[in-house]
Amino acid sequence: MRQSKFLKTVGNKIKQIRKEKGISLYKLAKISKLNYNHIKNIENGITDCHLEVFTRICESLAVSVTDFFNKIDL
């Protein structure tokens, strides 16, 4: 899988989980203590994120990293 497709797949899944939980992008940024634009770019598959950032996003969405990847088609 090409990296850009992987980034878009992961970003779309983050966005889907966030919306299912009724969390705004602004609120996710605040909870995770990350920059709003950084999360927006991750969700849109524009920006790659470090494992620490990804873990903070998962924790803020109350989903384990394992569950996240179990729910994603790679």
PDB file of N, CA and C in Angstrom:
ATOM      1  N   MET A   1       0.850  -1.178   0.000  1.00  0.00           N
ATOM      2  CA  MET A   1       0.000   0.000   0.000  1.00  0.00           C
ATOM      3  C   MET A   1       0.891   1.235   0.000  1.00  0.00           C
ATOM      4  N   ARG A   2       0.609   2.155  -0.893  1.00  0.00           N
ATOM      5  CA  ARG A   2       1.376   3.393  -0.938  1.00  0.00           C
ATOM      6  C   ARG A   2       1.128   4.205   0.328  1.00  0.00           C
ATOM      7  N   GLN A   3       2.151   4.950   0.729  1.00  0.00           N
ATOM      8  CA  GLN A   3       2.053   5.707   1.978  1.00  0.00           C
ATOM      9  C   GLN A   3       0.866   6.665   1.949  1.00  0.00           C
ATOM     10  N   SER A   4       0.661   7.382   0.845  1.00  0.00           N
ATOM     11  CA  SER A   4      -0.421   8.365   0.827  1.00  0.00           C
ATOM     12  C   SER A   4      -1.782   7.686   1.008  1.00  0.00           C
ATOM     13  N   LYS A   5      -1.967   6.502   0.430  1.00  0.00           N
ATOM     14  CA  LYS A   5      -3.222   5.786   0.620  1.00  0.00           C
ATOM     15  C   LYS A   5      -3.356   5.337   2.072  1.00  0.00           C
ATOM     16  N   PHE A   6      -2.264   4.889   2.667  1.00  0.00           N
ATOM     17  CA  PHE A   6      -2.267   4.498   4.079  1.00  0.00           C
ATOM     18  C   PHE A   6      -2.643   5.683   4.965  1.00  0.00           C
ATOM     19  N   LEU A   7      -2.021   6.848   4.711  1.00  0.00           N
ATOM     20  CA  LEU A   7      -2.320   8.038   5.513  1.00  0.00           C
ATOM     21  C   LEU A   7      -3.786   8.430   5.377  1.00  0.00           C
ATOM     22  N   LYS A   8      -4.333   8.356   4.179  1.00  0.00           N
ATOM     23  CA  LYS A   8      -5.741   8.698   3.967  1.00  0.00           C
ATOM     24  C   LYS A   8      -6.658   7.700   4.669  1.00  0.00           C
ATOM     25  N   THR A   9      -6.302   6.420   4.631  1.00  0.00           N
ATOM     26  CA  THR A   9      -7.106   5.388   5.280  1.00  0.00           C
ATOM     27  C   THR A   9      -7.126   5.601   6.795  1.00  0.00           C
ATOM     28  N   VAL A  10      -5.956   5.837   7.374  1.00  0.00           N
ATOM     29  CA  VAL A  10      -5.871   6.076   8.821  1.00  0.00           C
ATOM     30  C   VAL A  10      -6.603   7.367   9.183  1.00  0.00           C
ATOM     31  N   GLY A  11      -6.381   8.417   8.419  1.00  0.00           N
ATOM     32  CA  GLY A  11      -7.047   9.694   8.689  1.00  0.00           C
ATOM     33  C   GLY A  11      -8.552   9.594   8.614  1.00  0.00           C
ATOM     34  N   ASN A  12      -9.048   8.904   7.599  1.00  0.00           N
ATOM     35  CA  ASN A  12     -10.499   8.727   7.463  1.00  0.00           C
ATOM     36  C   ASN A  12     -11.076   7.947   8.637  1.00  0.00           C
ATOM     37  N   LYS A  13     -10.340   6.956   9.130  1.00  0.00           N
ATOM     38  CA  LYS A  13     -10.815   6.163  10.265  1.00  0.00           C
ATOM     39  C   LYS A  13     -10.850   7.008  11.532  1.00  0.00           C
ATOM     40  N   ILE A  14      -9.840   7.831  11.733  1.00  0.00           N
ATOM     41  CA  ILE A  14      -9.833   8.742  12.891  1.00  0.00           C
ATOM     42  C   ILE A  14     -11.062   9.648  12.821  1.00  0.00           C
ATOM     43  N   LYS A  15     -11.299  10.215  11.651  1.00  0.00           N
ATOM     44  CA  LYS A  15     -12.447  11.122  11.469  1.00  0.00           C
ATOM     45  C   LYS A  15     -13.766  10.385  11.714  1.00  0.00           C
ATOM     46  N   GLN A  16     -13.886   9.174  11.195  1.00  0.00           N
ATOM     47  CA  GLN A  16     -15.103   8.392  11.371  1.00  0.00           C
ATOM     48  C   GLN A  16     -15.368   8.104  12.848  1.00  0.00           C
ATOM     49  N   ILE A  17     -14.361   7.658  13.562  1.00  0.00           N
ATOM     50  CA  ILE A  17     -14.518   7.364  14.995  1.00  0.00           C
ATOM     51  C   ILE A  17     -14.869   8.638  15.756  1.00  0.00           C
ATOM     52  N   ARG A  18     -14.187   9.735  15.432  1.00  0.00           N
ATOM     53  CA  ARG A  18     -14.454  11.010  16.104  1.00  0.00           C
ATOM     54  C   ARG A  18     -15.905  11.428  15.907  1.00  0.00           C
ATOM     55  N   LYS A  19     -16.401  11.316  14.680  1.00  0.00           N
ATOM     56  CA  LYS A  19     -17.786  11.717  14.395  1.00  0.00           C
ATOM     57  C   LYS A  19     -18.792  10.774  15.041  1.00  0.00           C
ATOM     58  N   GLU A  20     -18.496   9.467  15.039  1.00  0.00           N
ATOM     59  CA  GLU A  20     -19.379   8.494  15.696  1.00  0.00           C
ATOM     60  C   GLU A  20     -19.523   8.798  17.182  1.00  0.00           C
ATOM     61  N   LYS A  21     -18.476   9.308  17.784  1.00  0.00           N
ATOM     62  CA  LYS A  21     -18.494   9.620  19.212  1.00  0.00           C
ATOM     63  C   LYS A  21     -19.005  11.033  19.486  1.00  0.00           C
ATOM     64  N   GLY A  22     -19.328  11.768  18.431  1.00  0.00           N
ATOM     65  CA  GLY A  22     -19.881  13.108  18.590  1.00  0.00           C
ATOM     66  C   GLY A  22     -18.871  14.125  19.095  1.00  0.00           C
ATOM     67  N   ILE A  23     -17.612  13.932  18.741  1.00  0.00           N
ATOM     68  CA  ILE A  23     -16.549  14.836  19.188  1.00  0.00           C
ATOM     69  C   ILE A  23     -16.146  15.734  18.029  1.00  0.00           C
ATOM     70  N   SER A  24     -16.169  17.023  18.260  1.00  0.00           N
ATOM     71  CA  SER A  24     -15.749  17.957  17.220  1.00  0.00           C
ATOM     72  C   SER A  24     -14.231  17.926  17.074  1.00  0.00           C
ATOM     73  N   LEU A  25     -13.775  18.397  15.949  1.00  0.00           N
ATOM     74  CA  LEU A  25     -12.331  18.470  15.721  1.00  0.00           C
ATOM     75  C   LEU A  25     -11.684  19.391  16.760  1.00  0.00           C
ATOM     76  N   TYR A  26     -12.349  20.487  17.060  1.00  0.00           N
ATOM     77  CA  TYR A  26     -11.837  21.422  18.070  1.00  0.00           C
ATOM     78  C   TYR A  26     -11.718  20.738  19.438  1.00  0.00           C
ATOM     79  N   LYS A  27     -12.756  19.972  19.809  1.00  0.00           N
ATOM     80  CA  LYS A  27     -12.735  19.300  21.112  1.00  0.00           C
ATOM     81  C   LYS A  27     -11.642  18.231  21.154  1.00  0.00           C
ATOM     82  N   LEU A  28     -11.468  17.486  20.058  1.00  0.00           N
ATOM     83  CA  LEU A  28     -10.406  16.482  20.009  1.00  0.00           C
ATOM     84  C   LEU A  28      -9.044  17.137  20.180  1.00  0.00           C
ATOM     85  N   ALA A  29      -8.846  18.269  19.541  1.00  0.00           N
ATOM     86  CA  ALA A  29      -7.580  18.990  19.678  1.00  0.00           C
ATOM     87  C   ALA A  29      -7.355  19.390  21.134  1.00  0.00           C
ATOM     88  N   LYS A  30      -8.402  19.869  21.771  1.00  0.00           N
ATOM     89  CA  LYS A  30      -8.282  20.291  23.161  1.00  0.00           C
ATOM     90  C   LYS A  30      -8.006  19.102  24.090  1.00  0.00           C
ATOM     91  N   ILE A  31      -8.745  18.016  23.918  1.00  0.00           N
ATOM     92  CA  ILE A  31      -8.574  16.832  24.769  1.00  0.00           C
ATOM     93  C   ILE A  31      -7.180  16.238  24.604  1.00  0.00           C
ATOM     94  N   SER A  32      -6.733  16.138  23.353  1.00  0.00           N
ATOM     95  CA  SER A  32      -5.442  15.498  23.071  1.00  0.00           C
ATOM     96  C   SER A  32      -4.254  16.442  23.236  1.00  0.00           C
ATOM     97  N   LYS A  33      -4.559  17.724  23.439  1.00  0.00           N
ATOM     98  CA  LYS A  33      -3.525  18.757  23.569  1.00  0.00           C
ATOM     99  C   LYS A  33      -2.644  18.822  22.314  1.00  0.00           C
ATOM    100  N   LEU A  34      -3.329  18.706  21.166  1.00  0.00           N
ATOM    101  CA  LEU A  34      -2.661  18.811  19.875  1.00  0.00           C
ATOM    102  C   LEU A  34      -3.250  19.993  19.112  1.00  0.00           C
ATOM    103  N   ASN A  35      -2.522  20.452  18.142  1.00  0.00           N
ATOM    104  CA  ASN A  35      -2.960  21.577  17.325  1.00  0.00           C
ATOM    105  C   ASN A  35      -4.121  21.163  16.422  1.00  0.00           C
ATOM    106  N   TYR A  36      -5.146  21.998  16.377  1.00  0.00           N
ATOM    107  CA  TYR A  36      -6.342  21.760  15.554  1.00  0.00           C
ATOM    108  C   TYR A  36      -5.959  21.462  14.105  1.00  0.00           C
ATOM    109  N   ASN A  37      -5.120  22.302  13.510  1.00  0.00           N
ATOM    110  CA  ASN A  37      -4.745  22.126  12.108  1.00  0.00           C
ATOM    111  C   ASN A  37      -3.944  20.855  11.887  1.00  0.00           C
ATOM    112  N   HIS A  38      -3.146  20.472  12.858  1.00  0.00           N
ATOM    113  CA  HIS A  38      -2.371  19.240  12.739  1.00  0.00           C
ATOM    114  C   HIS A  38      -3.312  18.030  12.664  1.00  0.00           C
ATOM    115  N   ILE A  39      -4.302  17.978  13.542  1.00  0.00           N
ATOM    116  CA  ILE A  39      -5.266  16.880  13.523  1.00  0.00           C
ATOM    117  C   ILE A  39      -6.075  16.910  12.226  1.00  0.00           C
ATOM    118  N   LYS A  40      -6.476  18.091  11.806  1.00  0.00           N
ATOM    119  CA  LYS A  40      -7.229  18.229  10.555  1.00  0.00           C
ATOM    120  C   LYS A  40      -6.421  17.668   9.382  1.00  0.00           C
ATOM    121  N   ASN A  41      -5.139  17.977   9.326  1.00  0.00           N
ATOM    122  CA  ASN A  41      -4.283  17.479   8.255  1.00  0.00           C
ATOM    123  C   ASN A  41      -4.072  15.969   8.344  1.00  0.00           C
ATOM    124  N   ILE A  42      -4.018  15.434   9.550  1.00  0.00           N
ATOM    125  CA  ILE A  42      -3.912  13.980   9.724  1.00  0.00           C
ATOM    126  C   ILE A  42      -5.189  13.317   9.213  1.00  0.00           C
ATOM    127  N   GLU A  43      -6.334  13.841   9.610  1.00  0.00           N
ATOM    128  CA  GLU A  43      -7.609  13.277   9.173  1.00  0.00           C
ATOM    129  C   GLU A  43      -7.770  13.326   7.653  1.00  0.00           C
ATOM    130  N   ASN A  44      -7.212  14.336   7.024  1.00  0.00           N
ATOM    131  CA  ASN A  44      -7.320  14.478   5.572  1.00  0.00           C
ATOM    132  C   ASN A  44      -6.209  13.750   4.817  1.00  0.00           C
ATOM    133  N   GLY A  45      -5.345  13.043   5.539  1.00  0.00           N
ATOM    134  CA  GLY A  45      -4.285  12.273   4.905  1.00  0.00           C
ATOM    135  C   GLY A  45      -3.163  13.106   4.338  1.00  0.00           C
ATOM    136  N   ILE A  46      -3.049  14.338   4.793  1.00  0.00           N
ATOM    137  CA  ILE A  46      -2.027  15.262   4.297  1.00  0.00           C
ATOM    138  C   ILE A  46      -0.739  15.132   5.097  1.00  0.00           C
ATOM    139  N   THR A  47      -0.895  14.932   6.401  1.00  0.00           N
ATOM    140  CA  THR A  47       0.241  14.899   7.310  1.00  0.00           C
ATOM    141  C   THR A  47       0.362  13.532   7.969  1.00  0.00           C
ATOM    142  N   ASP A  48       1.579  13.044   8.026  1.00  0.00           N
ATOM    143  CA  ASP A  48       1.875  11.826   8.769  1.00  0.00           C
ATOM    144  C   ASP A  48       1.970  12.217  10.246  1.00  0.00           C
ATOM    145  N   CYS A  49       1.781  11.269  11.127  1.00  0.00           N
ATOM    146  CA  CYS A  49       1.921  11.590  12.546  1.00  0.00           C
ATOM    147  C   CYS A  49       2.817  10.563  13.207  1.00  0.00           C
ATOM    148  N   HIS A  50       3.511  11.014  14.210  1.00  0.00           N
ATOM    149  CA  HIS A  50       4.369  10.131  14.988  1.00  0.00           C
ATOM    150  C   HIS A  50       3.504   9.208  15.826  1.00  0.00           C
ATOM    151  N   LEU A  51       4.070   8.128  16.256  1.00  0.00           N
ATOM    152  CA  LEU A  51       3.348   7.151  17.057  1.00  0.00           C
ATOM    153  C   LEU A  51       2.789   7.784  18.331  1.00  0.00           C
ATOM    154  N   GLU A  52       3.552   8.671  18.940  1.00  0.00           N
ATOM    155  CA  GLU A  52       3.081   9.338  20.163  1.00  0.00           C
ATOM    156  C   GLU A  52       1.823  10.162  19.887  1.00  0.00           C
ATOM    157  N   VAL A  53       1.809  10.872  18.777  1.00  0.00           N
ATOM    158  CA  VAL A  53       0.636  11.684  18.412  1.00  0.00           C
ATOM    159  C   VAL A  53      -0.550  10.766  18.137  1.00  0.00           C
ATOM    160  N   PHE A  54      -0.321   9.703  17.380  1.00  0.00           N
ATOM    161  CA  PHE A  54      -1.381   8.759  17.063  1.00  0.00           C
ATOM    162  C   PHE A  54      -1.960   8.150  18.346  1.00  0.00           C
ATOM    163  N   THR A  55      -1.088   7.785  19.272  1.00  0.00           N
ATOM    164  CA  THR A  55      -1.522   7.213  20.543  1.00  0.00           C
ATOM    165  C   THR A  55      -2.355   8.217  21.331  1.00  0.00           C
ATOM    166  N   ARG A  56      -1.951   9.481  21.343  1.00  0.00           N
ATOM    167  CA  ARG A  56      -2.725  10.513  22.054  1.00  0.00           C
ATOM    168  C   ARG A  56      -4.110  10.672  21.439  1.00  0.00           C
ATOM    169  N   ILE A  57      -4.190  10.611  20.111  1.00  0.00           N
ATOM    170  CA  ILE A  57      -5.484  10.719  19.443  1.00  0.00           C
ATOM    171  C   ILE A  57      -6.362   9.527  19.823  1.00  0.00           C
ATOM    172  N   CYS A  58      -5.806   8.332  19.774  1.00  0.00           N
ATOM    173  CA  CYS A  58      -6.572   7.131  20.151  1.00  0.00           C
ATOM    174  C   CYS A  58      -7.056   7.216  21.598  1.00  0.00           C
ATOM    175  N   GLU A  59      -6.187   7.610  22.500  1.00  0.00           N
ATOM    176  CA  GLU A  59      -6.571   7.742  23.911  1.00  0.00           C
ATOM    177  C   GLU A  59      -7.684   8.769  24.068  1.00  0.00           C
ATOM    178  N   SER A  60      -7.592   9.864  23.349  1.00  0.00           N
ATOM    179  CA  SER A  60      -8.607  10.915  23.428  1.00  0.00           C
ATOM    180  C   SER A  60      -9.946  10.455  22.874  1.00  0.00           C
ATOM    181  N   LEU A  61      -9.908   9.509  21.941  1.00  0.00           N
ATOM    182  CA  LEU A  61     -11.135   8.949  21.368  1.00  0.00           C
ATOM    183  C   LEU A  61     -11.596   7.701  22.120  1.00  0.00           C
ATOM    184  N   ALA A  62     -10.867   7.334  23.166  1.00  0.00           N
ATOM    185  CA  ALA A  62     -11.177   6.151  23.988  1.00  0.00           C
ATOM    186  C   ALA A  62     -11.226   4.885  23.145  1.00  0.00           C
ATOM    187  N   VAL A  63     -10.229   4.738  22.269  1.00  0.00           N
ATOM    188  CA  VAL A  63     -10.090   3.530  21.467  1.00  0.00           C
ATOM    189  C   VAL A  63      -8.630   3.082  21.555  1.00  0.00           C
ATOM    190  N   SER A  64      -8.431   1.798  21.765  1.00  0.00           N
ATOM    191  CA  SER A  64      -7.052   1.314  21.846  1.00  0.00           C
ATOM    192  C   SER A  64      -6.453   1.260  20.441  1.00  0.00           C
ATOM    193  N   VAL A  65      -5.155   1.319  20.374  1.00  0.00           N
ATOM    194  CA  VAL A  65      -4.461   1.237  19.092  1.00  0.00           C
ATOM    195  C   VAL A  65      -4.785  -0.097  18.424  1.00  0.00           C
ATOM    196  N   THR A  66      -4.835  -1.164  19.202  1.00  0.00           N
ATOM    197  CA  THR A  66      -5.171  -2.482  18.669  1.00  0.00           C
ATOM    198  C   THR A  66      -6.563  -2.480  18.061  1.00  0.00           C
ATOM    199  N   ASP A  67      -7.540  -1.959  18.786  1.00  0.00           N
ATOM    200  CA  ASP A  67      -8.909  -1.900  18.265  1.00  0.00           C
ATOM    201  C   ASP A  67      -8.985  -1.028  17.019  1.00  0.00           C
ATOM    202  N   PHE A  68      -8.243   0.060  17.007  1.00  0.00           N
ATOM    203  CA  PHE A  68      -8.245   0.947  15.849  1.00  0.00           C
ATOM    204  C   PHE A  68      -7.848   0.172  14.601  1.00  0.00           C
ATOM    205  N   PHE A  69      -6.754  -0.559  14.670  1.00  0.00           N
ATOM    206  CA  PHE A  69      -6.276  -1.275  13.491  1.00  0.00           C
ATOM    207  C   PHE A  69      -7.085  -2.533  13.202  1.00  0.00           C
ATOM    208  N   ASN A  70      -7.783  -3.063  14.193  1.00  0.00           N
ATOM    209  CA  ASN A  70      -8.698  -4.181  13.931  1.00  0.00           C
ATOM    210  C   ASN A  70      -9.909  -3.740  13.138  1.00  0.00           C
ATOM    211  N   LYS A  71     -10.256  -2.459  13.242  1.00  0.00           N
ATOM    212  CA  LYS A  71     -11.438  -1.912  12.570  1.00  0.00           C
ATOM    213  C   LYS A  71     -11.124  -1.309  11.210  1.00  0.00           C
ATOM    214  N   ILE A  72      -9.892  -1.413  10.769  1.00  0.00           N
ATOM    215  CA  ILE A  72      -9.482  -0.737   9.552  1.00  0.00           C
ATOM    216  C   ILE A  72      -9.079  -1.769   8.500  1.00  0.00           C
ATOM    217  N   ASP A  73      -9.473  -1.520   7.265  1.00  0.00           N
ATOM    218  CA  ASP A  73      -9.078  -2.391   6.158  1.00  0.00           C
ATOM    219  C   ASP A  73      -7.832  -1.839   5.511  1.00  0.00           C
ATOM    220  N   LEU A  74      -6.723  -2.545   5.701  1.00  0.00           N
ATOM    221  CA  LEU A  74      -5.463  -2.096   5.115  1.00  0.00           C
ATOM    222  C   LEU A  74      -5.123  -2.848   3.871  1.00  0.00           C
TER     223      LEU A  74
END
